[in-house]
PDB file of N, CA and C in Angstrom:
ATOM      1  N   MET A   1       1.776  21.511  -2.016  1.00  0.00           N
ATOM      2  CA  MET A   1       2.556  20.345  -1.624  1.00  0.00           C
ATOM      3  C   MET A   1       3.988  20.514  -2.111  1.00  0.00           C
ATOM      4  N   THR A   2       4.897  20.088  -1.292  1.00  0.00           N
ATOM      5  CA  THR A   2       6.298  20.201  -1.679  1.00  0.00           C
ATOM      6  C   THR A   2       6.702  19.037  -2.586  1.00  0.00           C
ATOM      7  N   ILE A   3       7.800  19.212  -3.237  1.00  0.00           N
ATOM      8  CA  ILE A   3       8.306  18.150  -4.114  1.00  0.00           C
ATOM      9  C   ILE A   3       8.621  16.898  -3.304  1.00  0.00           C
ATOM     10  N   ILE A   4       9.226  17.062  -2.130  1.00  0.00           N
ATOM     11  CA  ILE A   4       9.564  15.903  -1.294  1.00  0.00           C
ATOM     12  C   ILE A   4       8.301  15.150  -0.888  1.00  0.00           C
ATOM     13  N   THR A   5       7.267  15.879  -0.515  1.00  0.00           N
ATOM     14  CA  THR A   5       6.000  15.248  -0.138  1.00  0.00           C
ATOM     15  C   THR A   5       5.418  14.485  -1.323  1.00  0.00           C
ATOM     16  N   ASN A   6       5.429  15.090  -2.490  1.00  0.00           N
ATOM     17  CA  ASN A   6       4.906  14.424  -3.687  1.00  0.00           C
ATOM     18  C   ASN A   6       5.714  13.170  -4.032  1.00  0.00           C
ATOM     19  N   ILE A   7       7.010  13.240  -3.856  1.00  0.00           N
ATOM     20  CA  ILE A   7       7.854  12.070  -4.121  1.00  0.00           C
ATOM     21  C   ILE A   7       7.505  10.942  -3.155  1.00  0.00           C
ATOM     22  N   LEU A   8       7.335  11.273  -1.885  1.00  0.00           N
ATOM     23  CA  LEU A   8       6.997  10.240  -0.910  1.00  0.00           C
ATOM     24  C   LEU A   8       5.611   9.645  -1.180  1.00  0.00           C
ATOM     25  N   ILE A   9       4.656  10.474  -1.541  1.00  0.00           N
ATOM     26  CA  ILE A   9       3.325   9.973  -1.898  1.00  0.00           C
ATOM     27  C   ILE A   9       3.419   9.049  -3.114  1.00  0.00           C
ATOM     28  N   THR A  10       4.234   9.426  -4.081  1.00  0.00           N
ATOM     29  CA  THR A  10       4.442   8.577  -5.262  1.00  0.00           C
ATOM     30  C   THR A  10       5.070   7.248  -4.873  1.00  0.00           C
ATOM     31  N   ILE A  11       6.019   7.276  -3.950  1.00  0.00           N
ATOM     32  CA  ILE A  11       6.638   6.031  -3.480  1.00  0.00           C
ATOM     33  C   ILE A  11       5.597   5.140  -2.813  1.00  0.00           C
ATOM     34  N   VAL A  12       4.724   5.721  -2.003  1.00  0.00           N
ATOM     35  CA  VAL A  12       3.659   4.938  -1.356  1.00  0.00           C
ATOM     36  C   VAL A  12       2.747   4.333  -2.425  1.00  0.00           C
ATOM     37  N   ALA A  13       2.409   5.105  -3.445  1.00  0.00           N
ATOM     38  CA  ALA A  13       1.572   4.583  -4.535  1.00  0.00           C
ATOM     39  C   ALA A  13       2.284   3.436  -5.250  1.00  0.00           C
ATOM     40  N   LEU A  14       3.570   3.601  -5.525  1.00  0.00           N
ATOM     41  CA  LEU A  14       4.342   2.541  -6.195  1.00  0.00           C
ATOM     42  C   LEU A  14       4.438   1.287  -5.331  1.00  0.00           C
ATOM     43  N   GLN A  15       4.554   1.471  -4.014  1.00  0.00           N
ATOM     44  CA  GLN A  15       4.547   0.321  -3.112  1.00  0.00           C
ATOM     45  C   GLN A  15       3.252  -0.476  -3.291  1.00  0.00           C
ATOM     46  N   HIS A  16       2.143   0.232  -3.370  1.00  0.00           N
ATOM     47  CA  HIS A  16       0.857  -0.459  -3.465  1.00  0.00           C
ATOM     48  C   HIS A  16       0.643  -1.099  -4.835  1.00  0.00           C
ATOM     49  N   ILE A  17       1.257  -0.548  -5.847  1.00  0.00           N
ATOM     50  CA  ILE A  17       1.247  -1.228  -7.148  1.00  0.00           C
ATOM     51  C   ILE A  17       2.074  -2.512  -7.050  1.00  0.00           C
ATOM     52  N   ALA A  18       3.200  -2.442  -6.350  1.00  0.00           N
ATOM     53  CA  ALA A  18       4.023  -3.648  -6.147  1.00  0.00           C
ATOM     54  C   ALA A  18       3.255  -4.687  -5.337  1.00  0.00           C
ATOM     55  N   PHE A  19       2.513  -4.251  -4.306  1.00  0.00           N
ATOM     56  CA  PHE A  19       1.694  -5.185  -3.525  1.00  0.00           C
ATOM     57  C   PHE A  19       0.652  -5.838  -4.421  1.00  0.00           C
ATOM     58  N   LEU A  20       0.048  -5.045  -5.309  1.00  0.00           N
ATOM     59  CA  LEU A  20      -0.936  -5.591  -6.252  1.00  0.00           C
ATOM     60  C   LEU A  20      -0.300  -6.705  -7.077  1.00  0.00           C
ATOM     61  N   VAL A  21       0.855  -6.444  -7.637  1.00  0.00           N
ATOM     62  CA  VAL A  21       1.522  -7.438  -8.489  1.00  0.00           C
ATOM     63  C   VAL A  21       1.868  -8.686  -7.682  1.00  0.00           C
ATOM     64  N   LEU A  22       2.435  -8.499  -6.510  1.00  0.00           N
ATOM     65  CA  LEU A  22       2.797  -9.642  -5.670  1.00  0.00           C
ATOM     66  C   LEU A  22       1.577 -10.472  -5.291  1.00  0.00           C
ATOM     67  N   GLU A  23       0.499  -9.806  -4.892  1.00  0.00           N
ATOM     68  CA  GLU A  23      -0.669 -10.522  -4.389  1.00  0.00           C
ATOM     69  C   GLU A  23      -1.555 -11.084  -5.497  1.00  0.00           C
ATOM     70  N   MET A  24      -1.643 -10.400  -6.616  1.00  0.00           N
ATOM     71  CA  MET A  24      -2.530 -10.866  -7.684  1.00  0.00           C
ATOM     72  C   MET A  24      -1.853 -11.849  -8.636  1.00  0.00           C
ATOM     73  N   PHE A  25      -0.574 -11.663  -8.892  1.00  0.00           N
ATOM     74  CA  PHE A  25       0.078 -12.428  -9.950  1.00  0.00           C
ATOM     75  C   PHE A  25       1.235 -13.318  -9.479  1.00  0.00           C
ATOM     76  N   LEU A  26       1.846 -12.979  -8.348  1.00  0.00           N
ATOM     77  CA  LEU A  26       3.037 -13.717  -7.924  1.00  0.00           C
ATOM     78  C   LEU A  26       2.857 -14.463  -6.603  1.00  0.00           C
ATOM     79  N   TRP A  27       1.664 -14.436  -6.058  1.00  0.00           N
ATOM     80  CA  TRP A  27       1.385 -15.009  -4.740  1.00  0.00           C
ATOM     81  C   TRP A  27       1.882 -16.448  -4.607  1.00  0.00           C
ATOM     82  N   ASP A  28       1.561 -17.285  -5.595  1.00  0.00           N
ATOM     83  CA  ASP A  28       1.918 -18.699  -5.505  1.00  0.00           C
ATOM     84  C   ASP A  28       3.192 -19.044  -6.289  1.00  0.00           C
ATOM     85  N   LYS A  29       3.872 -18.015  -6.771  1.00  0.00           N
ATOM     86  CA  LYS A  29       5.155 -18.211  -7.457  1.00  0.00           C
ATOM     87  C   LYS A  29       6.276 -18.158  -6.408  1.00  0.00           C
ATOM     88  N   PRO A  30       7.460 -18.640  -6.736  1.00  0.00           N
ATOM     89  CA  PRO A  30       8.550 -18.657  -5.744  1.00  0.00           C
ATOM     90  C   PRO A  30       8.811 -17.289  -5.085  1.00  0.00           C
ATOM     91  N   ILE A  31       8.807 -16.205  -5.854  1.00  0.00           N
ATOM     92  CA  ILE A  31       9.082 -14.895  -5.266  1.00  0.00           C
ATOM     93  C   ILE A  31       7.966 -14.475  -4.308  1.00  0.00           C
ATOM     94  N   GLY A  32       6.733 -14.722  -4.674  1.00  0.00           N
ATOM     95  CA  GLY A  32       5.611 -14.389  -3.794  1.00  0.00           C
ATOM     96  C   GLY A  32       5.638 -15.199  -2.514  1.00  0.00           C
ATOM     97  N   ARG A  33       5.915 -16.486  -2.650  1.00  0.00           N
ATOM     98  CA  ARG A  33       5.990 -17.348  -1.459  1.00  0.00           C
ATOM     99  C   ARG A  33       7.137 -16.914  -0.553  1.00  0.00           C
ATOM    100  N   LEU A  34       8.242 -16.500  -1.148  1.00  0.00           N
ATOM    101  CA  LEU A  34       9.385 -16.030  -0.367  1.00  0.00           C
ATOM    102  C   LEU A  34       9.044 -14.742   0.384  1.00  0.00           C
ATOM    103  N   VAL A  35       8.463 -13.772  -0.326  1.00  0.00           N
ATOM    104  CA  VAL A  35       8.130 -12.481   0.286  1.00  0.00           C
ATOM    105  C   VAL A  35       7.162 -12.668   1.451  1.00  0.00           C
ATOM    106  N   PHE A  36       6.171 -13.527   1.277  1.00  0.00           N
ATOM    107  CA  PHE A  36       5.134 -13.686   2.299  1.00  0.00           C
ATOM    108  C   PHE A  36       5.364 -14.894   3.205  1.00  0.00           C
ATOM    109  N   GLY A  37       6.456 -15.635   2.995  1.00  0.00           N
ATOM    110  CA  GLY A  37       6.774 -16.762   3.852  1.00  0.00           C
ATOM    111  C   GLY A  37       5.746 -17.879   3.805  1.00  0.00           C
ATOM    112  N   LEU A  38       5.311 -18.212   2.604  1.00  0.00           N
ATOM    113  CA  LEU A  38       4.254 -19.207   2.434  1.00  0.00           C
ATOM    114  C   LEU A  38       4.788 -20.516   1.873  1.00  0.00           C
ATOM    115  N   THR A  39       4.166 -21.596   2.295  1.00  0.00           N
ATOM    116  CA  THR A  39       4.426 -22.874   1.636  1.00  0.00           C
ATOM    117  C   THR A  39       3.638 -22.884   0.335  1.00  0.00           C
ATOM    118  N   LYS A  40       3.988 -23.803  -0.549  1.00  0.00           N
ATOM    119  CA  LYS A  40       3.270 -23.919  -1.815  1.00  0.00           C
ATOM    120  C   LYS A  40       1.789 -24.206  -1.560  1.00  0.00           C
ATOM    121  N   GLU A  41       1.516 -25.072  -0.607  1.00  0.00           N
ATOM    122  CA  GLU A  41       0.135 -25.440  -0.293  1.00  0.00           C
ATOM    123  C   GLU A  41      -0.650 -24.242   0.254  1.00  0.00           C
ATOM    124  N   ALA A  42      -0.045 -23.517   1.189  1.00  0.00           N
ATOM    125  CA  ALA A  42      -0.722 -22.348   1.770  1.00  0.00           C
ATOM    126  C   ALA A  42      -0.992 -21.289   0.705  1.00  0.00           C
ATOM    127  N   ALA A  43      -0.033 -21.095  -0.194  1.00  0.00           N
ATOM    128  CA  ALA A  43      -0.211 -20.115  -1.262  1.00  0.00           C
ATOM    129  C   ALA A  43      -1.337 -20.528  -2.203  1.00  0.00           C
ATOM    130  N   THR A  44      -1.409 -21.794  -2.513  1.00  0.00           N
ATOM    131  CA  THR A  44      -2.465 -22.284  -3.401  1.00  0.00           C
ATOM    132  C   THR A  44      -3.836 -22.093  -2.770  1.00  0.00           C
ATOM    133  N   ILE A  45      -3.944 -22.412  -1.490  1.00  0.00           N
ATOM    134  CA  ILE A  45      -5.225 -22.293  -0.788  1.00  0.00           C
ATOM    135  C   ILE A  45      -5.687 -20.838  -0.694  1.00  0.00           C
ATOM    136  N   SER A  46      -4.754 -19.927  -0.482  1.00  0.00           N
ATOM    137  CA  SER A  46      -5.115 -18.525  -0.236  1.00  0.00           C
ATOM    138  C   SER A  46      -4.978 -17.629  -1.463  1.00  0.00           C
ATOM    139  N   LYS A  47      -4.733 -18.197  -2.620  1.00  0.00           N
ATOM    140  CA  LYS A  47      -4.466 -17.413  -3.830  1.00  0.00           C
ATOM    141  C   LYS A  47      -5.606 -16.451  -4.177  1.00  0.00           C
ATOM    142  N   THR A  48      -6.851 -16.905  -4.120  1.00  0.00           N
ATOM    143  CA  THR A  48      -7.985 -16.051  -4.470  1.00  0.00           C
ATOM    144  C   THR A  48      -8.137 -14.903  -3.475  1.00  0.00           C
ATOM    145  N   LEU A  49      -7.970 -15.201  -2.208  1.00  0.00           N
ATOM    146  CA  LEU A  49      -8.049 -14.167  -1.176  1.00  0.00           C
ATOM    147  C   LEU A  49      -6.955 -13.115  -1.395  1.00  0.00           C
ATOM    148  N   ALA A  50      -5.752 -13.579  -1.703  1.00  0.00           N
ATOM    149  CA  ALA A  50      -4.638 -12.660  -1.939  1.00  0.00           C
ATOM    150  C   ALA A  50      -4.892 -11.776  -3.162  1.00  0.00           C
ATOM    151  N   ALA A  51      -5.485 -12.353  -4.201  1.00  0.00           N
ATOM    152  CA  ALA A  51      -5.784 -11.565  -5.404  1.00  0.00           C
ATOM    153  C   ALA A  51      -6.781 -10.457  -5.071  1.00  0.00           C
ATOM    154  N   ASN A  52      -7.761 -10.762  -4.247  1.00  0.00           N
ATOM    155  CA  ASN A  52      -8.730  -9.753  -3.819  1.00  0.00           C
ATOM    156  C   ASN A  52      -8.025  -8.642  -3.038  1.00  0.00           C
ATOM    157  N   GLN A  53      -7.141  -9.024  -2.151  1.00  0.00           N
ATOM    158  CA  GLN A  53      -6.365  -8.069  -1.367  1.00  0.00           C
ATOM    159  C   GLN A  53      -5.499  -7.206  -2.285  1.00  0.00           C
ATOM    160  N   GLY A  54      -4.903  -7.827  -3.286  1.00  0.00           N
ATOM    161  CA  GLY A  54      -4.081  -7.091  -4.238  1.00  0.00           C
ATOM    162  C   GLY A  54      -4.875  -6.051  -5.006  1.00  0.00           C
ATOM    163  N   LEU A  55      -6.107  -6.409  -5.358  1.00  0.00           N
ATOM    164  CA  LEU A  55      -6.962  -5.463  -6.066  1.00  0.00           C
ATOM    165  C   LEU A  55      -7.224  -4.223  -5.213  1.00  0.00           C
ATOM    166  N   TYR A  56      -7.479  -4.427  -3.929  1.00  0.00           N
ATOM    167  CA  TYR A  56      -7.680  -3.297  -3.023  1.00  0.00           C
ATOM    168  C   TYR A  56      -6.433  -2.422  -2.947  1.00  0.00           C
ATOM    169  N   ASN A  57      -5.257  -3.040  -2.931  1.00  0.00           N
ATOM    170  CA  ASN A  57      -4.024  -2.252  -2.936  1.00  0.00           C
ATOM    171  C   ASN A  57      -3.894  -1.435  -4.211  1.00  0.00           C
ATOM    172  N   GLY A  58      -4.353  -1.986  -5.312  1.00  0.00           N
ATOM    173  CA  GLY A  58      -4.364  -1.232  -6.562  1.00  0.00           C
ATOM    174  C   GLY A  58      -5.278  -0.020  -6.493  1.00  0.00           C
ATOM    175  N   PHE A  59      -6.428  -0.183  -5.845  1.00  0.00           N
ATOM    176  CA  PHE A  59      -7.340   0.949  -5.685  1.00  0.00           C
ATOM    177  C   PHE A  59      -6.711   2.051  -4.829  1.00  0.00           C
ATOM    178  N   LEU A  60      -5.976   1.648  -3.791  1.00  0.00           N
ATOM    179  CA  LEU A  60      -5.292   2.644  -2.956  1.00  0.00           C
ATOM    180  C   LEU A  60      -4.258   3.415  -3.770  1.00  0.00           C
ATOM    181  N   ALA A  61      -3.489   2.702  -4.584  1.00  0.00           N
ATOM    182  CA  ALA A  61      -2.505   3.365  -5.447  1.00  0.00           C
ATOM    183  C   ALA A  61      -3.196   4.298  -6.429  1.00  0.00           C
ATOM    184  N   ALA A  62      -4.292   3.833  -7.026  1.00  0.00           N
ATOM    185  CA  ALA A  62      -5.029   4.663  -7.988  1.00  0.00           C
ATOM    186  C   ALA A  62      -5.535   5.942  -7.329  1.00  0.00           C
ATOM    187  N   GLY A  63      -5.996   5.834  -6.108  1.00  0.00           N
ATOM    188  CA  GLY A  63      -6.483   7.018  -5.396  1.00  0.00           C
ATOM    189  C   GLY A  63      -5.385   8.032  -5.160  1.00  0.00           C
ATOM    190  N   LEU A  64      -4.208   7.561  -4.776  1.00  0.00           N
ATOM    191  CA  LEU A  64      -3.082   8.485  -4.579  1.00  0.00           C
ATOM    192  C   LEU A  64      -2.663   9.136  -5.890  1.00  0.00           C
ATOM    193  N   ILE A  65      -2.612   8.349  -6.956  1.00  0.00           N
ATOM    194  CA  ILE A  65      -2.233   8.896  -8.263  1.00  0.00           C
ATOM    195  C   ILE A  65      -3.279   9.904  -8.729  1.00  0.00           C
ATOM    196  N   TRP A  66      -4.537   9.581  -8.527  1.00  0.00           N
ATOM    197  CA  TRP A  66      -5.622  10.511  -8.872  1.00  0.00           C
ATOM    198  C   TRP A  66      -5.443  11.829  -8.112  1.00  0.00           C
ATOM    199  N   GLY A  67      -5.231  11.740  -6.804  1.00  0.00           N
ATOM    200  CA  GLY A  67      -5.047  12.950  -6.004  1.00  0.00           C
ATOM    201  C   GLY A  67      -3.842  13.758  -6.460  1.00  0.00           C
ATOM    202  N   LEU A  68      -2.739  13.085  -6.729  1.00  0.00           N
ATOM    203  CA  LEU A  68      -1.553  13.792  -7.206  1.00  0.00           C
ATOM    204  C   LEU A  68      -1.805  14.482  -8.543  1.00  0.00           C
ATOM    205  N   SER A  69      -2.578  13.842  -9.398  1.00  0.00           N
ATOM    206  CA  SER A  69      -2.829  14.412 -10.730  1.00  0.00           C
ATOM    207  C   SER A  69      -3.652  15.694 -10.663  1.00  0.00           C
ATOM    208  N   LEU A  70      -4.341  15.925  -9.568  1.00  0.00           N
ATOM    209  CA  LEU A  70      -5.176  17.116  -9.421  1.00  0.00           C
ATOM    210  C   LEU A  70      -4.441  18.300  -8.804  1.00  0.00           C
ATOM    211  N   GLY A  71      -3.183  18.095  -8.433  1.00  0.00           N
ATOM    212  CA  GLY A  71      -2.427  19.172  -7.803  1.00  0.00           C
ATOM    213  C   GLY A  71      -3.007  19.511  -6.444  1.00  0.00           C
ATOM    214  N   ALA A  72      -3.036  20.786  -6.115  1.00  0.00           N
ATOM    215  CA  ALA A  72      -3.521  21.229  -4.807  1.00  0.00           C
ATOM    216  C   ALA A  72      -4.976  20.827  -4.562  1.00  0.00           C
ATOM    217  N   GLU A  73      -5.774  20.736  -5.629  1.00  0.00           N
ATOM    218  CA  GLU A  73      -7.174  20.350  -5.478  1.00  0.00           C
ATOM    219  C   GLU A  73      -7.323  18.891  -5.046  1.00  0.00           C
ATOM    220  N   GLY A  74      -6.260  18.112  -5.186  1.00  0.00           N
ATOM    221  CA  GLY A  74      -6.318  16.701  -4.818  1.00  0.00           C
ATOM    222  C   GLY A  74      -5.866  16.395  -3.403  1.00  0.00           C
ATOM    223  N   THR A  75      -5.560  17.414  -2.634  1.00  0.00           N
ATOM    224  CA  THR A  75      -5.038  17.206  -1.287  1.00  0.00           C
ATOM    225  C   THR A  75      -5.974  16.364  -0.419  1.00  0.00           C
ATOM    226  N   ASN A  76      -7.264  16.682  -0.424  1.00  0.00           N
ATOM    227  CA  ASN A  76      -8.200  15.922   0.415  1.00  0.00           C
ATOM    228  C   ASN A  76      -8.310  14.467  -0.028  1.00  0.00           C
ATOM    229  N   ILE A  77      -8.213  14.234  -1.310  1.00  0.00           N
ATOM    230  CA  ILE A  77      -8.236  12.856  -1.824  1.00  0.00           C
ATOM    231  C   ILE A  77      -7.007  12.106  -1.321  1.00  0.00           C
ATOM    232  N   ILE A  78      -5.859  12.733  -1.390  1.00  0.00           N
ATOM    233  CA  ILE A  78      -4.620  12.106  -0.924  1.00  0.00           C
ATOM    234  C   ILE A  78      -4.693  11.844   0.576  1.00  0.00           C
ATOM    235  N   ILE A  79      -5.199  12.799   1.334  1.00  0.00           N
ATOM    236  CA  ILE A  79      -5.352  12.612   2.783  1.00  0.00           C
ATOM    237  C   ILE A  79      -6.227  11.394   3.063  1.00  0.00           C
ATOM    238  N   PHE A  80      -7.324  11.262   2.333  1.00  0.00           N
ATOM    239  CA  PHE A  80      -8.220  10.120   2.532  1.00  0.00           C
ATOM    240  C   PHE A  80      -7.499   8.804   2.259  1.00  0.00           C
ATOM    241  N   PHE A  81      -6.835   8.693   1.116  1.00  0.00           N
ATOM    242  CA  PHE A  81      -6.198   7.430   0.752  1.00  0.00           C
ATOM    243  C   PHE A  81      -4.994   7.118   1.636  1.00  0.00           C
ATOM    244  N   LEU A  82      -4.198   8.127   2.000  1.00  0.00           N
ATOM    245  CA  LEU A  82      -3.100   7.880   2.938  1.00  0.00           C
ATOM    246  C   LEU A  82      -3.636   7.427   4.295  1.00  0.00           C
ATOM    247  N   SER A  83      -4.747   7.995   4.717  1.00  0.00           N
ATOM    248  CA  SER A  83      -5.363   7.594   5.987  1.00  0.00           C
ATOM    249  C   SER A  83      -5.840   6.146   5.926  1.00  0.00           C
ATOM    250  N   CYS A  84      -6.428   5.757   4.800  1.00  0.00           N
ATOM    251  CA  CYS A  84      -6.845   4.350   4.623  1.00  0.00           C
ATOM    252  C   CYS A  84      -5.641   3.417   4.702  1.00  0.00           C
ATOM    253  N   ILE A  85      -4.563   3.788   4.031  1.00  0.00           N
ATOM    254  CA  ILE A  85      -3.348   2.973   4.041  1.00  0.00           C
ATOM    255  C   ILE A  85      -2.779   2.902   5.454  1.00  0.00           C
ATOM    256  N   LEU A  86      -2.752   4.025   6.130  1.00  0.00           N
ATOM    257  CA  LEU A  86      -2.231   4.069   7.498  1.00  0.00           C
ATOM    258  C   LEU A  86      -3.033   3.150   8.416  1.00  0.00           C
ATOM    259  N   LEU A  87      -4.351   3.245   8.365  1.00  0.00           N
ATOM    260  CA  LEU A  87      -5.196   2.403   9.217  1.00  0.00           C
ATOM    261  C   LEU A  87      -5.043   0.923   8.878  1.00  0.00           C
ATOM    262  N   ALA A  88      -4.982   0.601   7.589  1.00  0.00           N
ATOM    263  CA  ALA A  88      -4.790  -0.793   7.184  1.00  0.00           C
ATOM    264  C   ALA A  88      -3.433  -1.302   7.664  1.00  0.00           C
ATOM    265  N   GLY A  89      -2.416  -0.472   7.575  1.00  0.00           N
ATOM    266  CA  GLY A  89      -1.083  -0.864   8.020  1.00  0.00           C
ATOM    267  C   GLY A  89      -0.989  -1.046   9.527  1.00  0.00           C
ATOM    268  N   ILE A  90      -1.678  -0.196  10.261  1.00  0.00           N
ATOM    269  CA  ILE A  90      -1.722  -0.353  11.722  1.00  0.00           C
ATOM    270  C   ILE A  90      -2.442  -1.651  12.075  1.00  0.00           C
ATOM    271  N   PHE A  91      -3.582  -1.894  11.447  1.00  0.00           N
ATOM    272  CA  PHE A  91      -4.341  -3.115  11.704  1.00  0.00           C
ATOM    273  C   PHE A  91      -3.519  -4.355  11.351  1.00  0.00           C
ATOM    274  N   GLY A  92      -2.904  -4.342  10.177  1.00  0.00           N
ATOM    275  CA  GLY A  92      -2.071  -5.470   9.763  1.00  0.00           C
ATOM    276  C   GLY A  92      -0.883  -5.671  10.686  1.00  0.00           C
ATOM    277  N   GLY A  93      -0.304  -4.569  11.144  1.00  0.00           N
ATOM    278  CA  GLY A  93       0.817  -4.663  12.067  1.00  0.00           C
ATOM    279  C   GLY A  93       0.426  -5.270  13.401  1.00  0.00           C
ATOM    280  N   MET A  94      -0.804  -5.002  13.830  1.00  0.00           N
ATOM    281  CA  MET A  94      -1.288  -5.534  15.105  1.00  0.00           C
ATOM    282  C   MET A  94      -1.784  -6.976  14.992  1.00  0.00           C
ATOM    283  N   THR A  95      -2.322  -7.337  13.839  1.00  0.00           N
ATOM    284  CA  THR A  95      -2.981  -8.643  13.721  1.00  0.00           C
ATOM    285  C   THR A  95      -2.183  -9.692  12.947  1.00  0.00           C
ATOM    286  N   VAL A  96      -1.274  -9.251  12.077  1.00  0.00           N
ATOM    287  CA  VAL A  96      -0.546 -10.197  11.234  1.00  0.00           C
ATOM    288  C   VAL A  96       0.943 -10.188  11.555  1.00  0.00           C
ATOM    289  N   SER A  97       1.584  -9.039  11.365  1.00  0.00           N
ATOM    290  CA  SER A  97       3.028  -8.943  11.576  1.00  0.00           C
ATOM    291  C   SER A  97       3.425  -7.480  11.769  1.00  0.00           C
ATOM    292  N   PRO A  98       4.284  -7.201  12.744  1.00  0.00           N
ATOM    293  CA  PRO A  98       4.764  -5.823  12.926  1.00  0.00           C
ATOM    294  C   PRO A  98       5.462  -5.268  11.687  1.00  0.00           C
ATOM    295  N   LYS A  99       5.985  -6.153  10.821  1.00  0.00           N
ATOM    296  CA  LYS A  99       6.622  -5.696   9.574  1.00  0.00           C
ATOM    297  C   LYS A  99       5.653  -4.896   8.719  1.00  0.00           C
ATOM    298  N   ILE A 100       4.372  -5.241   8.779  1.00  0.00           N
ATOM    299  CA  ILE A 100       3.376  -4.533   7.964  1.00  0.00           C
ATOM    300  C   ILE A 100       3.308  -3.072   8.390  1.00  0.00           C
ATOM    301  N   PHE A 101       3.416  -2.828   9.687  1.00  0.00           N
ATOM    302  CA  PHE A 101       3.419  -1.430  10.134  1.00  0.00           C
ATOM    303  C   PHE A 101       4.600  -0.686   9.522  1.00  0.00           C
ATOM    304  N   LEU A 102       5.770  -1.296   9.569  1.00  0.00           N
ATOM    305  CA  LEU A 102       6.972  -0.630   9.059  1.00  0.00           C
ATOM    306  C   LEU A 102       6.937  -0.428   7.553  1.00  0.00           C
ATOM    307  N   ILE A 103       6.454  -1.420   6.828  1.00  0.00           N
ATOM    308  CA  ILE A 103       6.487  -1.368   5.367  1.00  0.00           C
ATOM    309  C   ILE A 103       5.338  -0.553   4.788  1.00  0.00           C
ATOM    310  N   GLN A 104       4.154  -0.665   5.387  1.00  0.00           N
ATOM    311  CA  GLN A 104       2.974  -0.021   4.814  1.00  0.00           C
ATOM    312  C   GLN A 104       2.563   1.245   5.565  1.00  0.00           C
ATOM    313  N   ALA A 105       2.409   1.139   6.881  1.00  0.00           N
ATOM    314  CA  ALA A 105       1.853   2.262   7.633  1.00  0.00           C
ATOM    315  C   ALA A 105       2.848   3.403   7.812  1.00  0.00           C
ATOM    316  N   LEU A 106       4.083   3.089   8.126  1.00  0.00           N
ATOM    317  CA  LEU A 106       5.056   4.145   8.411  1.00  0.00           C
ATOM    318  C   LEU A 106       5.294   5.086   7.228  1.00  0.00           C
ATOM    319  N   PRO A 107       5.514   4.572   6.005  1.00  0.00           N
ATOM    320  CA  PRO A 107       5.656   5.510   4.885  1.00  0.00           C
ATOM    321  C   PRO A 107       4.399   6.368   4.669  1.00  0.00           C
ATOM    322  N   ALA A 108       3.216   5.768   4.847  1.00  0.00           N
ATOM    323  CA  ALA A 108       1.977   6.537   4.699  1.00  0.00           C
ATOM    324  C   ALA A 108       1.873   7.599   5.787  1.00  0.00           C
ATOM    325  N   LEU A 109       2.254   7.240   7.009  1.00  0.00           N
ATOM    326  CA  LEU A 109       2.220   8.205   8.116  1.00  0.00           C
ATOM    327  C   LEU A 109       3.155   9.377   7.850  1.00  0.00           C
ATOM    328  N   ILE A 110       4.364   9.088   7.413  1.00  0.00           N
ATOM    329  CA  ILE A 110       5.323  10.159   7.124  1.00  0.00           C
ATOM    330  C   ILE A 110       4.799  11.054   6.008  1.00  0.00           C
ATOM    331  N   ALA A 111       4.280  10.446   4.943  1.00  0.00           N
ATOM    332  CA  ALA A 111       3.725  11.240   3.828  1.00  0.00           C
ATOM    333  C   ALA A 111       2.547  12.085   4.297  1.00  0.00           C
ATOM    334  N   LEU A 112       1.695  11.513   5.127  1.00  0.00           N
ATOM    335  CA  LEU A 112       0.524  12.233   5.625  1.00  0.00           C
ATOM    336  C   LEU A 112       0.941  13.423   6.498  1.00  0.00           C
ATOM    337  N   VAL A 113       1.897  13.210   7.377  1.00  0.00           N
ATOM    338  CA  VAL A 113       2.379  14.300   8.226  1.00  0.00           C
ATOM    339  C   VAL A 113       3.007  15.404   7.381  1.00  0.00           C
ATOM    340  N   LEU A 114       3.848  15.015   6.429  1.00  0.00           N
ATOM    341  CA  LEU A 114       4.463  16.034   5.565  1.00  0.00           C
ATOM    342  C   LEU A 114       3.408  16.800   4.777  1.00  0.00           C
ATOM    343  N   LEU A 115       2.401  16.085   4.286  1.00  0.00           N
ATOM    344  CA  LEU A 115       1.332  16.732   3.530  1.00  0.00           C
ATOM    345  C   LEU A 115       0.579  17.728   4.405  1.00  0.00           C
ATOM    346  N   LEU A 116       0.252  17.334   5.623  1.00  0.00           N
ATOM    347  CA  LEU A 116      -0.497  18.205   6.525  1.00  0.00           C
ATOM    348  C   LEU A 116       0.320  19.410   6.975  1.00  0.00           C
ATOM    349  N   LEU A 117       1.632  19.248   7.010  1.00  0.00           N
ATOM    350  CA  LEU A 117       2.510  20.365   7.427  1.00  0.00           C
ATOM    351  C   LEU A 117       2.822  21.311   6.278  1.00  0.00           C
ATOM    352  N   SER A 118       2.584  20.884   5.038  1.00  0.00           N
ATOM    353  CA  SER A 118       2.958  21.743   3.900  1.00  0.00           C
ATOM    354  C   SER A 118       1.867  22.734   3.571  1.00  0.00           C
TER     355      SER A 118
END
């Protein structure tokens, strides 16, 4: 894997750690409501669901970090987790907001393509 590919994979992992923090801890706070465009009431109602979603994002980040820590032996692990992120981002982009495709799926797609080409 090239350094650029590893940097992009790390950025994708950091994004998912940020999603974890936003969804698990800041969902019903002003910054979380602003990021997700939620009213206070909507955030309160969906807080538990968002925390569950945030936990899954943490698992995705952990998988990428695990794969990176293994060097070349972790390539298949990284491919799996980037593919999961890509599919989730495509689904979210189609069902929730096109922004999800741009923010989540596109960086994963670019990292996955670079990884497969290296």
